[in-house]
């Protein structure tokens, strides 16, 4: 089994909480994500079991991250948008075999002397 360099994190939250998810993910090192609207299919038995009202309208946030920061991002999502929050979110990750089209980042110093990240220049 080979180690994967990237993971796809999927976080499913109640509608209106995707920005909370993205903010938490970015604070943990993620660069961005994709938000898709969805609809849950949980039934009344699940509501009784978990003792929570289940809102059918959902948002699915997909975040591609470097494997090195996966645990930090998942922990941040749990803290800010997990089942115990108003977002009632669940998050999980899937290994990614190959990735194309990502722009690598490099550190730079802005005019105020602050360290920032900018897209790296492609080498020919």
N, C-alpha and C. Protein backbone atom coordinates (compact mmCIF):
# COMPACT_ATOMS: atom_id res chain seq x y z
N UNK A 1 0.85 -1.18 0.00
CA UNK A 1 0.00 0.00 0.00
C UNK A 1 0.89 1.24 0.00
N UNK A 2 0.69 2.12 -0.96
CA UNK A 2 1.50 3.33 -1.02
C UNK A 2 0.83 4.46 -0.26
N UNK A 3 1.65 5.35 0.26
CA UNK A 3 1.13 6.51 0.99
C UNK A 3 0.61 7.54 -0.01
N UNK A 4 -0.53 8.12 0.30
CA UNK A 4 -1.11 9.14 -0.55
C UNK A 4 -0.64 10.52 -0.08
N UNK A 5 -0.34 11.39 -1.03
CA UNK A 5 0.12 12.73 -0.66
C UNK A 5 -1.04 13.67 -0.37
N UNK A 6 -2.25 13.33 -0.82
CA UNK A 6 -3.41 14.18 -0.60
C UNK A 6 -4.59 13.36 -0.08
N UNK A 7 -5.50 14.06 0.58
CA UNK A 7 -6.74 13.46 1.07
C UNK A 7 -7.89 14.39 0.68
N UNK A 8 -9.04 13.82 0.39
CA UNK A 8 -10.24 14.61 0.15
C UNK A 8 -11.08 14.55 1.41
N UNK A 9 -11.29 15.70 2.02
CA UNK A 9 -12.14 15.78 3.20
C UNK A 9 -13.53 16.20 2.75
N UNK A 10 -14.52 15.46 3.19
CA UNK A 10 -15.92 15.80 2.91
C UNK A 10 -16.58 16.12 4.23
N UNK A 11 -17.25 17.25 4.28
CA UNK A 11 -17.96 17.66 5.49
C UNK A 11 -19.39 17.97 5.10
N UNK A 12 -20.34 17.31 5.75
CA UNK A 12 -21.75 17.51 5.47
C UNK A 12 -22.36 18.25 6.65
N UNK A 13 -22.90 19.44 6.38
CA UNK A 13 -23.45 20.29 7.44
C UNK A 13 -24.84 20.79 7.05
N UNK A 14 -25.57 21.28 8.06
CA UNK A 14 -26.84 21.92 7.79
C UNK A 14 -26.62 23.13 6.89
N UNK A 15 -27.61 23.44 6.08
CA UNK A 15 -27.52 24.59 5.19
C UNK A 15 -27.21 25.85 6.00
N UNK A 16 -26.27 26.64 5.46
CA UNK A 16 -25.89 27.88 6.11
C UNK A 16 -24.61 27.80 6.92
N UNK A 17 -24.03 26.61 7.03
CA UNK A 17 -22.83 26.45 7.85
C UNK A 17 -21.57 26.13 7.04
N UNK A 18 -21.66 26.17 5.72
CA UNK A 18 -20.48 25.86 4.91
C UNK A 18 -19.37 26.88 5.09
N UNK A 19 -19.72 28.15 5.31
CA UNK A 19 -18.68 29.17 5.52
C UNK A 19 -17.95 28.92 6.84
N UNK A 20 -18.66 28.45 7.85
CA UNK A 20 -18.03 28.08 9.12
C UNK A 20 -17.02 26.96 8.89
N UNK A 21 -17.41 25.99 8.07
CA UNK A 21 -16.53 24.87 7.73
C UNK A 21 -15.29 25.38 7.02
N UNK A 22 -15.48 26.22 6.01
CA UNK A 22 -14.33 26.71 5.23
C UNK A 22 -13.40 27.57 6.08
N UNK A 23 -13.96 28.38 6.95
CA UNK A 23 -13.14 29.21 7.84
C UNK A 23 -12.28 28.33 8.75
N UNK A 24 -12.89 27.30 9.34
CA UNK A 24 -12.15 26.39 10.21
C UNK A 24 -11.07 25.65 9.43
N UNK A 25 -11.41 25.19 8.23
CA UNK A 25 -10.45 24.45 7.41
C UNK A 25 -9.27 25.34 7.02
N UNK A 26 -9.54 26.57 6.64
CA UNK A 26 -8.46 27.49 6.26
C UNK A 26 -7.58 27.83 7.46
N UNK A 27 -8.19 28.00 8.63
CA UNK A 27 -7.41 28.26 9.84
C UNK A 27 -6.48 27.09 10.15
N UNK A 28 -6.85 25.88 9.72
CA UNK A 28 -6.03 24.69 9.96
C UNK A 28 -5.06 24.41 8.82
N UNK A 29 -5.05 25.27 7.79
CA UNK A 29 -4.07 25.11 6.72
C UNK A 29 -4.60 24.79 5.34
N UNK A 30 -5.90 24.53 5.21
CA UNK A 30 -6.48 24.25 3.89
C UNK A 30 -6.49 25.53 3.06
N UNK A 31 -6.45 25.38 1.74
CA UNK A 31 -6.41 26.55 0.86
C UNK A 31 -7.77 26.94 0.31
N UNK A 32 -8.70 26.04 0.23
CA UNK A 32 -10.02 26.34 -0.32
C UNK A 32 -10.83 25.07 -0.42
N UNK A 33 -12.01 25.20 -1.00
CA UNK A 33 -12.88 24.04 -1.12
C UNK A 33 -14.01 24.31 -2.09
N UNK A 34 -14.86 23.33 -2.23
CA UNK A 34 -16.03 23.41 -3.11
C UNK A 34 -17.26 23.07 -2.30
N UNK A 35 -18.31 23.87 -2.44
CA UNK A 35 -19.55 23.68 -1.70
C UNK A 35 -20.64 23.24 -2.66
N UNK A 36 -21.33 22.16 -2.30
CA UNK A 36 -22.43 21.63 -3.11
C UNK A 36 -23.66 21.50 -2.22
N UNK A 37 -24.81 21.90 -2.74
CA UNK A 37 -26.06 21.72 -2.00
C UNK A 37 -26.49 20.27 -2.03
N UNK A 38 -27.15 19.83 -0.98
CA UNK A 38 -27.60 18.45 -0.92
C UNK A 38 -28.84 18.30 -0.06
N UNK A 39 -29.32 17.09 0.01
CA UNK A 39 -30.49 16.79 0.81
C UNK A 39 -30.26 15.47 1.54
N UNK A 40 -30.39 15.49 2.86
CA UNK A 40 -30.20 14.29 3.65
C UNK A 40 -31.37 13.33 3.53
N UNK A 41 -31.13 12.08 3.83
CA UNK A 41 -32.18 11.06 3.72
C UNK A 41 -32.45 10.36 5.05
N UNK A 42 -31.97 10.94 6.16
CA UNK A 42 -32.17 10.31 7.47
C UNK A 42 -33.66 10.22 7.78
N UNK A 43 -34.02 9.20 8.54
CA UNK A 43 -35.43 9.01 8.89
C UNK A 43 -35.69 9.35 10.35
N UNK A 44 -36.92 9.24 10.76
CA UNK A 44 -37.32 9.57 12.13
C UNK A 44 -36.63 8.67 13.15
N UNK A 45 -36.32 7.43 12.79
CA UNK A 45 -35.63 6.54 13.72
C UNK A 45 -34.25 7.08 14.05
N UNK A 46 -33.57 7.65 13.05
CA UNK A 46 -32.25 8.24 13.29
C UNK A 46 -32.37 9.44 14.21
N UNK A 47 -33.41 10.25 14.04
CA UNK A 47 -33.62 11.40 14.92
C UNK A 47 -33.81 10.94 16.36
N UNK A 48 -34.59 9.89 16.55
CA UNK A 48 -34.82 9.36 17.90
C UNK A 48 -33.54 8.81 18.50
N UNK A 49 -32.76 8.10 17.71
CA UNK A 49 -31.53 7.48 18.20
C UNK A 49 -30.51 8.54 18.63
N UNK A 50 -30.32 9.57 17.79
CA UNK A 50 -29.32 10.61 18.09
C UNK A 50 -29.86 11.72 18.98
N UNK A 51 -31.17 11.74 19.22
CA UNK A 51 -31.82 12.77 20.04
C UNK A 51 -31.59 14.17 19.48
N UNK A 52 -31.63 14.30 18.16
CA UNK A 52 -31.49 15.60 17.51
C UNK A 52 -32.48 15.68 16.35
N UNK A 53 -32.89 16.90 16.04
CA UNK A 53 -33.72 17.10 14.85
C UNK A 53 -32.80 17.11 13.64
N UNK A 54 -33.16 16.36 12.61
CA UNK A 54 -32.32 16.27 11.42
C UNK A 54 -32.93 17.12 10.32
N UNK A 55 -32.20 18.13 9.91
CA UNK A 55 -32.62 19.03 8.84
C UNK A 55 -32.28 18.39 7.50
N UNK A 56 -33.25 18.24 6.59
CA UNK A 56 -32.95 17.55 5.33
C UNK A 56 -32.03 18.33 4.39
N UNK A 57 -32.09 19.67 4.40
CA UNK A 57 -31.25 20.45 3.50
C UNK A 57 -29.83 20.50 4.05
N UNK A 58 -28.87 20.15 3.23
CA UNK A 58 -27.48 20.06 3.65
C UNK A 58 -26.57 20.80 2.68
N UNK A 59 -25.36 21.05 3.12
CA UNK A 59 -24.30 21.53 2.25
C UNK A 59 -23.14 20.55 2.40
N UNK A 60 -22.56 20.17 1.29
CA UNK A 60 -21.42 19.27 1.28
C UNK A 60 -20.21 20.10 0.89
N UNK A 61 -19.22 20.12 1.77
CA UNK A 61 -18.00 20.87 1.52
C UNK A 61 -16.90 19.87 1.21
N UNK A 62 -16.29 20.02 0.03
CA UNK A 62 -15.20 19.14 -0.39
C UNK A 62 -13.91 19.94 -0.31
N UNK A 63 -12.92 19.40 0.41
CA UNK A 63 -11.67 20.10 0.63
C UNK A 63 -10.52 19.14 0.34
N UNK A 64 -9.70 19.47 -0.64
CA UNK A 64 -8.53 18.67 -0.96
C UNK A 64 -7.35 19.21 -0.17
N UNK A 65 -6.73 18.37 0.65
CA UNK A 65 -5.63 18.82 1.50
C UNK A 65 -4.43 17.91 1.37
N UNK A 66 -3.28 18.44 1.71
CA UNK A 66 -2.07 17.64 1.84
C UNK A 66 -2.30 16.67 3.00
N UNK A 67 -1.89 15.44 2.85
CA UNK A 67 -2.10 14.43 3.89
C UNK A 67 -1.54 14.85 5.24
N UNK A 68 -0.49 15.66 5.22
CA UNK A 68 0.15 16.08 6.47
C UNK A 68 -0.77 16.92 7.35
N UNK A 69 -1.75 17.62 6.77
CA UNK A 69 -2.62 18.48 7.57
C UNK A 69 -4.03 17.91 7.74
N UNK A 70 -4.27 16.72 7.23
CA UNK A 70 -5.61 16.12 7.29
C UNK A 70 -6.16 16.08 8.71
N UNK A 71 -5.39 15.56 9.65
CA UNK A 71 -5.88 15.43 11.02
C UNK A 71 -6.20 16.78 11.64
N UNK A 72 -5.36 17.78 11.38
CA UNK A 72 -5.60 19.12 11.93
C UNK A 72 -6.88 19.72 11.36
N UNK A 73 -7.12 19.52 10.07
CA UNK A 73 -8.33 20.05 9.44
C UNK A 73 -9.56 19.33 9.99
N UNK A 74 -9.52 18.01 10.07
CA UNK A 74 -10.66 17.26 10.60
C UNK A 74 -10.97 17.68 12.04
N UNK A 75 -9.94 17.87 12.85
CA UNK A 75 -10.15 18.30 14.23
C UNK A 75 -10.80 19.68 14.27
N UNK A 76 -10.33 20.60 13.42
CA UNK A 76 -10.90 21.95 13.37
C UNK A 76 -12.37 21.89 12.96
N UNK A 77 -12.70 21.04 11.99
CA UNK A 77 -14.09 20.91 11.55
C UNK A 77 -14.97 20.36 12.68
N UNK A 78 -14.45 19.38 13.40
CA UNK A 78 -15.19 18.81 14.52
C UNK A 78 -15.47 19.88 15.58
N UNK A 79 -14.46 20.71 15.87
CA UNK A 79 -14.60 21.74 16.89
C UNK A 79 -15.62 22.81 16.49
N UNK A 80 -15.59 23.24 15.23
CA UNK A 80 -16.41 24.38 14.79
C UNK A 80 -17.76 23.98 14.18
N UNK A 81 -17.87 22.77 13.63
CA UNK A 81 -19.10 22.42 12.91
C UNK A 81 -19.52 20.97 13.12
N UNK A 82 -19.08 20.34 14.20
CA UNK A 82 -19.40 18.94 14.45
C UNK A 82 -20.84 18.73 14.90
N UNK A 83 -21.18 17.49 15.22
CA UNK A 83 -22.55 17.15 15.61
C UNK A 83 -23.04 17.92 16.83
N UNK A 84 -22.13 18.33 17.70
CA UNK A 84 -22.52 19.06 18.91
C UNK A 84 -22.70 20.55 18.68
N UNK A 85 -22.60 21.00 17.43
CA UNK A 85 -22.77 22.42 17.10
C UNK A 85 -24.07 22.60 16.33
N UNK A 86 -24.41 23.84 16.05
CA UNK A 86 -25.62 24.13 15.26
C UNK A 86 -25.50 23.59 13.83
N UNK A 87 -24.27 23.45 13.33
CA UNK A 87 -24.07 22.93 11.98
C UNK A 87 -24.39 21.46 11.86
N UNK A 88 -24.34 20.73 13.01
CA UNK A 88 -24.62 19.29 13.03
C UNK A 88 -23.85 18.53 11.96
N UNK A 89 -22.57 18.87 11.83
CA UNK A 89 -21.78 18.31 10.75
C UNK A 89 -21.09 16.99 11.05
N UNK A 90 -20.87 16.25 9.99
CA UNK A 90 -19.99 15.08 10.04
C UNK A 90 -18.92 15.30 8.98
N UNK A 91 -17.74 14.80 9.25
CA UNK A 91 -16.64 14.95 8.29
C UNK A 91 -15.87 13.64 8.23
N UNK A 92 -15.36 13.35 7.05
CA UNK A 92 -14.53 12.17 6.86
C UNK A 92 -13.59 12.44 5.71
N UNK A 93 -12.57 11.60 5.60
CA UNK A 93 -11.59 11.80 4.52
C UNK A 93 -11.47 10.54 3.68
N UNK A 94 -11.07 10.76 2.45
CA UNK A 94 -10.82 9.67 1.50
C UNK A 94 -9.43 9.87 0.90
N UNK A 95 -8.66 8.80 0.74
CA UNK A 95 -7.34 8.95 0.11
C UNK A 95 -7.49 9.31 -1.37
N UNK A 96 -6.58 10.12 -1.86
CA UNK A 96 -6.58 10.54 -3.26
C UNK A 96 -5.32 9.98 -3.92
N UNK A 97 -5.50 9.22 -4.98
CA UNK A 97 -4.35 8.61 -5.66
C UNK A 97 -3.52 9.61 -6.44
N UNK A 98 -4.17 10.44 -7.24
CA UNK A 98 -3.45 11.38 -8.10
C UNK A 98 -4.15 12.73 -8.10
N UNK A 99 -3.37 13.78 -8.27
CA UNK A 99 -3.90 15.14 -8.33
C UNK A 99 -3.19 15.88 -9.46
N UNK A 100 -3.95 16.61 -10.26
CA UNK A 100 -3.37 17.48 -11.27
C UNK A 100 -4.03 18.85 -11.14
N UNK A 101 -3.32 19.89 -11.55
CA UNK A 101 -3.90 21.21 -11.58
C UNK A 101 -3.74 22.05 -10.33
N UNK A 102 -3.07 21.54 -9.31
CA UNK A 102 -2.86 22.34 -8.11
C UNK A 102 -1.65 23.24 -8.29
N UNK A 103 -1.77 24.46 -7.81
CA UNK A 103 -0.65 25.39 -7.85
C UNK A 103 0.10 25.29 -6.54
N UNK A 104 1.39 24.98 -6.57
CA UNK A 104 2.16 24.95 -5.32
C UNK A 104 2.32 26.36 -4.77
N UNK A 105 2.51 26.46 -3.47
CA UNK A 105 2.66 27.75 -2.81
C UNK A 105 4.09 27.90 -2.31
N UNK A 106 4.50 29.14 -2.19
CA UNK A 106 5.81 29.43 -1.60
C UNK A 106 5.65 30.60 -0.64
N UNK A 107 6.57 30.68 0.31
CA UNK A 107 6.54 31.79 1.26
C UNK A 107 7.21 33.01 0.65
N UNK A 108 6.68 34.18 0.98
CA UNK A 108 7.25 35.44 0.52
C UNK A 108 7.05 36.46 1.63
N UNK A 109 7.67 37.60 1.48
CA UNK A 109 7.54 38.68 2.46
C UNK A 109 6.86 39.85 1.77
N UNK A 110 5.77 40.35 2.39
CA UNK A 110 5.07 41.48 1.78
C UNK A 110 5.77 42.79 2.12
N UNK A 111 5.22 43.91 1.64
CA UNK A 111 5.87 45.22 1.81
C UNK A 111 5.98 45.64 3.27
N UNK A 112 5.17 45.04 4.15
CA UNK A 112 5.23 45.37 5.58
C UNK A 112 6.13 44.42 6.35
N UNK A 113 6.81 43.51 5.64
CA UNK A 113 7.71 42.57 6.28
C UNK A 113 7.02 41.34 6.84
N UNK A 114 5.74 41.17 6.53
CA UNK A 114 4.97 40.02 7.01
C UNK A 114 5.13 38.85 6.05
N UNK A 115 5.31 37.64 6.60
CA UNK A 115 5.43 36.44 5.77
C UNK A 115 4.05 36.05 5.26
N UNK A 116 3.96 35.83 3.95
CA UNK A 116 2.71 35.44 3.30
C UNK A 116 2.98 34.26 2.38
N UNK A 117 1.92 33.62 1.91
CA UNK A 117 2.04 32.55 0.92
C UNK A 117 1.53 33.06 -0.41
N UNK A 118 2.29 32.78 -1.48
CA UNK A 118 1.89 33.17 -2.83
C UNK A 118 2.07 31.97 -3.76
N UNK A 119 1.36 31.96 -4.90
CA UNK A 119 1.56 30.85 -5.84
C UNK A 119 3.01 30.81 -6.32
N UNK A 120 3.58 29.62 -6.35
CA UNK A 120 4.96 29.45 -6.83
C UNK A 120 4.99 29.60 -8.34
N UNK A 121 6.08 30.09 -8.85
CA UNK A 121 6.27 30.23 -10.29
C UNK A 121 6.62 28.87 -10.86
N UNK A 122 5.92 28.48 -11.92
CA UNK A 122 6.18 27.18 -12.55
C UNK A 122 7.57 27.17 -13.16
N UNK A 123 8.27 26.06 -12.98
CA UNK A 123 9.60 25.90 -13.56
C UNK A 123 9.48 25.16 -14.87
N UNK A 124 10.10 25.67 -15.88
CA UNK A 124 10.03 25.06 -17.22
C UNK A 124 11.14 24.06 -17.39
